[in-house]
């Protein structure tokens, strides 16, 4: 089961996205301490997204080689 969280965006006066607001539950899954460096943030986001992709892949049927190559060509 994949948990879905609503990601919100902060925008400037012209409506252009300037920041992302994520639920605290996701933040706490990625980081256990209060302050993080840019490198830690980047690595944490990458690990979180990779984990979510792997969870989703478990629920996705496997393709044989021919079907996978056909999918990649699209």
PDB file of N, CA and C in Angstrom:
ATOM      1  N   UNK A   1       0.837  -1.181   0.000  1.00  0.00           N
ATOM      2  CA  UNK A   1       0.000   0.000   0.000  1.00  0.00           C
ATOM      3  C   UNK A   1       0.883   1.245   0.000  1.00  0.00           C
ATOM      4  N   UNK A   2       0.593   2.169  -0.858  1.00  0.00           N
ATOM      5  CA  UNK A   2       1.384   3.392  -0.971  1.00  0.00           C
ATOM      6  C   UNK A   2       0.632   4.518  -0.285  1.00  0.00           C
ATOM      7  N   UNK A   3       1.300   5.144   0.686  1.00  0.00           N
ATOM      8  CA  UNK A   3       0.703   6.299   1.348  1.00  0.00           C
ATOM      9  C   UNK A   3       0.833   7.498   0.432  1.00  0.00           C
ATOM     10  N   UNK A   4      -0.247   8.248   0.293  1.00  0.00           N
ATOM     11  CA  UNK A   4      -0.212   9.445  -0.530  1.00  0.00           C
ATOM     12  C   UNK A   4      -0.329  10.660   0.368  1.00  0.00           C
ATOM     13  N   UNK A   5       0.573  11.586   0.190  1.00  0.00           N
ATOM     14  CA  UNK A   5       0.553  12.834   0.923  1.00  0.00           C
ATOM     15  C   UNK A   5       0.409  13.961  -0.076  1.00  0.00           C
ATOM     16  N   UNK A   6      -0.307  14.979   0.311  1.00  0.00           N
ATOM     17  CA  UNK A   6      -0.445  16.127  -0.569  1.00  0.00           C
ATOM     18  C   UNK A   6       0.767  17.034  -0.392  1.00  0.00           C
ATOM     19  N   UNK A   7       1.464  17.269  -1.463  1.00  0.00           N
ATOM     20  CA  UNK A   7       2.614  18.164  -1.459  1.00  0.00           C
ATOM     21  C   UNK A   7       2.095  19.540  -1.873  1.00  0.00           C
ATOM     22  N   UNK A   8       2.440  20.557  -1.104  1.00  0.00           N
ATOM     23  CA  UNK A   8       1.992  21.910  -1.405  1.00  0.00           C
ATOM     24  C   UNK A   8       3.167  22.762  -1.868  1.00  0.00           C
ATOM     25  N   UNK A   9       2.867  23.790  -2.621  1.00  0.00           N
ATOM     26  CA  UNK A   9       3.885  24.693  -3.152  1.00  0.00           C
ATOM     27  C   UNK A   9       3.621  26.110  -2.675  1.00  0.00           C
ATOM     28  N   UNK A  10       4.658  26.787  -2.266  1.00  0.00           N
ATOM     29  CA  UNK A  10       4.556  28.211  -1.978  1.00  0.00           C
ATOM     30  C   UNK A  10       4.906  28.941  -3.265  1.00  0.00           C
ATOM     31  N   UNK A  11       4.122  29.944  -3.598  1.00  0.00           N
ATOM     32  CA  UNK A  11       4.341  30.658  -4.855  1.00  0.00           C
ATOM     33  C   UNK A  11       4.597  32.137  -4.594  1.00  0.00           C
ATOM     34  N   UNK A  12       5.223  32.776  -5.587  1.00  0.00           N
ATOM     35  CA  UNK A  12       5.431  34.219  -5.488  1.00  0.00           C
ATOM     36  C   UNK A  12       4.165  34.934  -5.968  1.00  0.00           C
ATOM     37  N   UNK A  13       4.206  36.263  -6.016  1.00  0.00           N
ATOM     38  CA  UNK A  13       3.012  37.030  -6.383  1.00  0.00           C
ATOM     39  C   UNK A  13       2.559  36.773  -7.814  1.00  0.00           C
ATOM     40  N   UNK A  14       3.448  36.206  -8.650  1.00  0.00           N
ATOM     41  CA  UNK A  14       3.095  35.882 -10.035  1.00  0.00           C
ATOM     42  C   UNK A  14       2.618  34.435 -10.192  1.00  0.00           C
ATOM     43  N   UNK A  15       2.537  33.732  -9.067  1.00  0.00           N
ATOM     44  CA  UNK A  15       2.078  32.356  -9.115  1.00  0.00           C
ATOM     45  C   UNK A  15       3.154  31.342  -9.445  1.00  0.00           C
ATOM     46  N   UNK A  16       4.407  31.771  -9.494  1.00  0.00           N
ATOM     47  CA  UNK A  16       5.507  30.854  -9.790  1.00  0.00           C
ATOM     48  C   UNK A  16       5.922  30.112  -8.521  1.00  0.00           C
ATOM     49  N   UNK A  17       6.063  28.789  -8.593  1.00  0.00           N
ATOM     50  CA  UNK A  17       6.462  28.027  -7.406  1.00  0.00           C
ATOM     51  C   UNK A  17       7.850  28.452  -6.917  1.00  0.00           C
ATOM     52  N   UNK A  18       7.981  28.616  -5.605  1.00  0.00           N
ATOM     53  CA  UNK A  18       9.244  29.031  -5.000  1.00  0.00           C
ATOM     54  C   UNK A  18       9.725  28.059  -3.936  1.00  0.00           C
ATOM     55  N   UNK A  19       8.833  27.276  -3.350  1.00  0.00           N
ATOM     56  CA  UNK A  19       9.211  26.331  -2.301  1.00  0.00           C
ATOM     57  C   UNK A  19       8.189  25.199  -2.252  1.00  0.00           C
ATOM     58  N   UNK A  20       8.615  24.097  -1.672  1.00  0.00           N
ATOM     59  CA  UNK A  20       7.753  22.935  -1.517  1.00  0.00           C
ATOM     60  C   UNK A  20       7.519  22.721  -0.029  1.00  0.00           C
ATOM     61  N   UNK A  21       6.275  22.451   0.321  1.00  0.00           N
ATOM     62  CA  UNK A  21       5.910  22.146   1.700  1.00  0.00           C
ATOM     63  C   UNK A  21       5.510  20.674   1.733  1.00  0.00           C
ATOM     64  N   UNK A  22       6.213  19.895   2.563  1.00  0.00           N
ATOM     65  CA  UNK A  22       5.888  18.477   2.674  1.00  0.00           C
ATOM     66  C   UNK A  22       5.355  18.192   4.076  1.00  0.00           C
ATOM     67  N   UNK A  23       4.519  17.184   4.204  1.00  0.00           N
ATOM     68  CA  UNK A  23       3.996  16.830   5.527  1.00  0.00           C
ATOM     69  C   UNK A  23       5.126  16.444   6.482  1.00  0.00           C
ATOM     70  N   UNK A  24       4.957  16.770   7.742  1.00  0.00           N
ATOM     71  CA  UNK A  24       5.981  16.484   8.743  1.00  0.00           C
ATOM     72  C   UNK A  24       6.253  14.988   8.852  1.00  0.00           C
ATOM     73  N   UNK A  25       5.255  14.155   8.557  1.00  0.00           N
ATOM     74  CA  UNK A  25       5.457  12.708   8.611  1.00  0.00           C
ATOM     75  C   UNK A  25       6.557  12.268   7.645  1.00  0.00           C
ATOM     76  N   UNK A  26       6.569  12.869   6.459  1.00  0.00           N
ATOM     77  CA  UNK A  26       7.607  12.534   5.483  1.00  0.00           C
ATOM     78  C   UNK A  26       8.956  13.048   5.968  1.00  0.00           C
ATOM     79  N   UNK A  27       8.991  14.274   6.463  1.00  0.00           N
ATOM     80  CA  UNK A  27      10.235  14.859   6.959  1.00  0.00           C
ATOM     81  C   UNK A  27      10.823  13.971   8.058  1.00  0.00           C
ATOM     82  N   UNK A  28       9.990  13.515   8.976  1.00  0.00           N
ATOM     83  CA  UNK A  28      10.470  12.696  10.083  1.00  0.00           C
ATOM     84  C   UNK A  28      10.940  11.326   9.618  1.00  0.00           C
ATOM     85  N   UNK A  29      10.385  10.818   8.529  1.00  0.00           N
ATOM     86  CA  UNK A  29      10.861   9.556   7.968  1.00  0.00           C
ATOM     87  C   UNK A  29      12.261   9.724   7.378  1.00  0.00           C
ATOM     88  N   UNK A  30      12.510  10.901   6.812  1.00  0.00           N
ATOM     89  CA  UNK A  30      13.793  11.140   6.150  1.00  0.00           C
ATOM     90  C   UNK A  30      14.885  11.559   7.127  1.00  0.00           C
ATOM     91  N   UNK A  31      14.523  12.299   8.164  1.00  0.00           N
ATOM     92  CA  UNK A  31      15.516  12.875   9.072  1.00  0.00           C
ATOM     93  C   UNK A  31      15.066  12.732  10.516  1.00  0.00           C
ATOM     94  N   UNK A  32      16.007  12.356  11.373  1.00  0.00           N
ATOM     95  CA  UNK A  32      15.662  12.215  12.780  1.00  0.00           C
ATOM     96  C   UNK A  32      16.143  13.400  13.601  1.00  0.00           C
ATOM     97  N   UNK A  33      17.061  14.170  13.055  1.00  0.00           N
ATOM     98  CA  UNK A  33      17.536  15.339  13.807  1.00  0.00           C
ATOM     99  C   UNK A  33      16.936  16.611  13.217  1.00  0.00           C
ATOM    100  N   UNK A  34      16.999  17.684  13.963  1.00  0.00           N
ATOM    101  CA  UNK A  34      16.353  18.933  13.569  1.00  0.00           C
ATOM    102  C   UNK A  34      16.977  19.622  12.377  1.00  0.00           C
ATOM    103  N   UNK A  35      18.279  19.827  12.398  1.00  0.00           N
ATOM    104  CA  UNK A  35      18.920  20.570  11.311  1.00  0.00           C
ATOM    105  C   UNK A  35      19.662  19.621  10.388  1.00  0.00           C
ATOM    106  N   UNK A  36      19.572  19.900   9.094  1.00  0.00           N
ATOM    107  CA  UNK A  36      20.249  19.066   8.100  1.00  0.00           C
ATOM    108  C   UNK A  36      20.985  19.963   7.119  1.00  0.00           C
ATOM    109  N   UNK A  37      22.069  19.436   6.582  1.00  0.00           N
ATOM    110  CA  UNK A  37      22.813  20.171   5.562  1.00  0.00           C
ATOM    111  C   UNK A  37      22.157  19.946   4.208  1.00  0.00           C
ATOM    112  N   UNK A  38      22.568  20.703   3.229  1.00  0.00           N
ATOM    113  CA  UNK A  38      22.036  20.544   1.871  1.00  0.00           C
ATOM    114  C   UNK A  38      22.343  19.140   1.358  1.00  0.00           C
ATOM    115  N   UNK A  39      23.545  18.643   1.632  1.00  0.00           N
ATOM    116  CA  UNK A  39      23.909  17.286   1.194  1.00  0.00           C
ATOM    117  C   UNK A  39      23.030  16.233   1.865  1.00  0.00           C
ATOM    118  N   UNK A  40      22.769  16.402   3.170  1.00  0.00           N
ATOM    119  CA  UNK A  40      21.912  15.464   3.878  1.00  0.00           C
ATOM    120  C   UNK A  40      20.485  15.526   3.347  1.00  0.00           C
ATOM    121  N   UNK A  41      20.010  16.717   3.039  1.00  0.00           N
ATOM    122  CA  UNK A  41      18.668  16.881   2.486  1.00  0.00           C
ATOM    123  C   UNK A  41      18.568  16.183   1.141  1.00  0.00           C
ATOM    124  N   UNK A  42      19.553  16.409   0.295  1.00  0.00           N
ATOM    125  CA  UNK A  42      19.561  15.791  -1.025  1.00  0.00           C
ATOM    126  C   UNK A  42      19.587  14.271  -0.911  1.00  0.00           C
ATOM    127  N   UNK A  43      20.465  13.746  -0.066  1.00  0.00           N
ATOM    128  CA  UNK A  43      20.578  12.294   0.105  1.00  0.00           C
ATOM    129  C   UNK A  43      19.301  11.724   0.724  1.00  0.00           C
ATOM    130  N   UNK A  44      18.722  12.432   1.689  1.00  0.00           N
ATOM    131  CA  UNK A  44      17.490  11.969   2.317  1.00  0.00           C
ATOM    132  C   UNK A  44      16.328  11.909   1.347  1.00  0.00           C
ATOM    133  N   UNK A  45      16.198  12.937   0.519  1.00  0.00           N
ATOM    134  CA  UNK A  45      15.134  12.949  -0.493  1.00  0.00           C
ATOM    135  C   UNK A  45      15.332  11.823  -1.507  1.00  0.00           C
ATOM    136  N   UNK A  46      16.579  11.644  -1.919  1.00  0.00           N
ATOM    137  CA  UNK A  46      16.880  10.577  -2.876  1.00  0.00           C
ATOM    138  C   UNK A  46      16.547   9.212  -2.284  1.00  0.00           C
ATOM    139  N   UNK A  47      16.962   8.969  -1.035  1.00  0.00           N
ATOM    140  CA  UNK A  47      16.680   7.692  -0.383  1.00  0.00           C
ATOM    141  C   UNK A  47      15.183   7.468  -0.222  1.00  0.00           C
ATOM    142  N   UNK A  48      14.467   8.526   0.184  1.00  0.00           N
ATOM    143  CA  UNK A  48      13.015   8.423   0.378  1.00  0.00           C
ATOM    144  C   UNK A  48      12.328   8.079  -0.945  1.00  0.00           C
ATOM    145  N   UNK A  49      12.673   8.795  -2.003  1.00  0.00           N
ATOM    146  CA  UNK A  49      12.049   8.565  -3.308  1.00  0.00           C
ATOM    147  C   UNK A  49      12.384   7.183  -3.848  1.00  0.00           C
ATOM    148  N   UNK A  50      13.632   6.758  -3.667  1.00  0.00           N
ATOM    149  CA  UNK A  50      14.030   5.427  -4.114  1.00  0.00           C
ATOM    150  C   UNK A  50      13.243   4.360  -3.359  1.00  0.00           C
ATOM    151  N   UNK A  51      13.091   4.548  -2.057  1.00  0.00           N
ATOM    152  CA  UNK A  51      12.319   3.606  -1.262  1.00  0.00           C
ATOM    153  C   UNK A  51      10.869   3.532  -1.720  1.00  0.00           C
ATOM    154  N   UNK A  52      10.266   4.690  -1.999  1.00  0.00           N
ATOM    155  CA  UNK A  52       8.886   4.718  -2.475  1.00  0.00           C
ATOM    156  C   UNK A  52       8.773   4.034  -3.843  1.00  0.00           C
ATOM    157  N   UNK A  53       9.743   4.273  -4.720  1.00  0.00           N
ATOM    158  CA  UNK A  53       9.728   3.637  -6.038  1.00  0.00           C
ATOM    159  C   UNK A  53       9.851   2.122  -5.912  1.00  0.00           C
ATOM    160  N   UNK A  54      10.694   1.686  -4.980  1.00  0.00           N
ATOM    161  CA  UNK A  54      10.852   0.241  -4.774  1.00  0.00           C
ATOM    162  C   UNK A  54       9.566  -0.366  -4.207  1.00  0.00           C
ATOM    163  N   UNK A  55       8.905   0.342  -3.294  1.00  0.00           N
ATOM    164  CA  UNK A  55       7.627  -0.136  -2.766  1.00  0.00           C
ATOM    165  C   UNK A  55       6.595  -0.246  -3.875  1.00  0.00           C
ATOM    166  N   UNK A  56       6.541   0.756  -4.739  1.00  0.00           N
ATOM    167  CA  UNK A  56       5.588   0.745  -5.850  1.00  0.00           C
ATOM    168  C   UNK A  56       5.912  -0.380  -6.832  1.00  0.00           C
ATOM    169  N   UNK A  57       7.189  -0.622  -7.051  1.00  0.00           N
ATOM    170  CA  UNK A  57       7.602  -1.668  -7.989  1.00  0.00           C
ATOM    171  C   UNK A  57       7.156  -3.051  -7.524  1.00  0.00           C
ATOM    172  N   UNK A  58       7.077  -3.240  -6.203  1.00  0.00           N
ATOM    173  CA  UNK A  58       6.627  -4.532  -5.676  1.00  0.00           C
ATOM    174  C   UNK A  58       5.203  -4.840  -6.119  1.00  0.00           C
ATOM    175  N   UNK A  59       4.407  -3.811  -6.337  1.00  0.00           N
ATOM    176  CA  UNK A  59       3.008  -3.987  -6.725  1.00  0.00           C
ATOM    177  C   UNK A  59       2.809  -3.925  -8.240  1.00  0.00           C
ATOM    178  N   UNK A  60       3.897  -3.837  -8.991  1.00  0.00           N
ATOM    179  CA  UNK A  60       3.825  -3.711 -10.441  1.00  0.00           C
ATOM    180  C   UNK A  60       4.203  -5.039 -11.078  1.00  0.00           C
ATOM    181  N   UNK A  61       3.430  -5.495 -12.038  1.00  0.00           N
ATOM    182  CA  UNK A  61       3.779  -6.769 -12.680  1.00  0.00           C
ATOM    183  C   UNK A  61       5.095  -6.661 -13.443  1.00  0.00           C
ATOM    184  N   UNK A  62       5.834  -7.755 -13.425  1.00  0.00           N
ATOM    185  CA  UNK A  62       7.103  -7.795 -14.152  1.00  0.00           C
ATOM    186  C   UNK A  62       6.856  -7.951 -15.646  1.00  0.00           C
ATOM    187  N   UNK A  63       7.694  -7.312 -16.432  1.00  0.00           N
ATOM    188  CA  UNK A  63       7.616  -7.434 -17.881  1.00  0.00           C
ATOM    189  C   UNK A  63       8.712  -8.375 -18.349  1.00  0.00           C
ATOM    190  N   UNK A  64       8.429  -9.122 -19.411  1.00  0.00           N
ATOM    191  CA  UNK A  64       9.513  -9.907 -19.991  1.00  0.00           C
ATOM    192  C   UNK A  64      10.416  -8.958 -20.779  1.00  0.00           C
ATOM    193  N   UNK A  65      11.538  -9.441 -21.251  1.00  0.00           N
ATOM    194  CA  UNK A  65      12.542  -8.593 -21.916  1.00  0.00           C
ATOM    195  C   UNK A  65      11.952  -7.833 -23.087  1.00  0.00           C
ATOM    196  N   UNK A  66      11.188  -8.531 -23.916  1.00  0.00           N
ATOM    197  CA  UNK A  66      10.606  -7.907 -25.120  1.00  0.00           C
ATOM    198  C   UNK A  66       9.627  -6.782 -24.744  1.00  0.00           C
ATOM    199  N   UNK A  67       8.778  -7.041 -23.776  1.00  0.00           N
ATOM    200  CA  UNK A  67       7.802  -6.030 -23.348  1.00  0.00           C
ATOM    201  C   UNK A  67       8.494  -4.837 -22.704  1.00  0.00           C
ATOM    202  N   UNK A  68       9.561  -5.096 -21.942  1.00  0.00           N
ATOM    203  CA  UNK A  68      10.293  -4.009 -21.300  1.00  0.00           C
ATOM    204  C   UNK A  68      10.967  -3.122 -22.354  1.00  0.00           C
ATOM    205  N   UNK A  69      11.595  -3.719 -23.353  1.00  0.00           N
ATOM    206  CA  UNK A  69      12.231  -2.943 -24.418  1.00  0.00           C
ATOM    207  C   UNK A  69      11.198  -2.150 -25.194  1.00  0.00           C
ATOM    208  N   UNK A  70      10.055  -2.728 -25.443  1.00  0.00           N
ATOM    209  CA  UNK A  70       8.979  -2.043 -26.146  1.00  0.00           C
ATOM    210  C   UNK A  70       8.499  -0.834 -25.323  1.00  0.00           C
ATOM    211  N   UNK A  71       8.372  -1.016 -24.021  1.00  0.00           N
ATOM    212  CA  UNK A  71       7.951   0.073 -23.129  1.00  0.00           C
ATOM    213  C   UNK A  71       8.974   1.211 -23.147  1.00  0.00           C
ATOM    214  N   UNK A  72      10.244   0.868 -23.102  1.00  0.00           N
ATOM    215  CA  UNK A  72      11.307   1.888 -23.083  1.00  0.00           C
ATOM    216  C   UNK A  72      11.370   2.670 -24.387  1.00  0.00           C
ATOM    217  N   UNK A  73      10.981   2.051 -25.489  1.00  0.00           N
ATOM    218  CA  UNK A  73      11.012   2.739 -26.773  1.00  0.00           C
ATOM    219  C   UNK A  73       9.903   3.780 -26.897  1.00  0.00           C
ATOM    220  N   UNK A  74       8.856   3.651 -26.095  1.00  0.00           N
ATOM    221  CA  UNK A  74       7.734   4.605 -26.164  1.00  0.00           C
ATOM    222  C   UNK A  74       8.093   5.948 -25.679  1.00  0.00           C
TER     223      UNK A  74
END
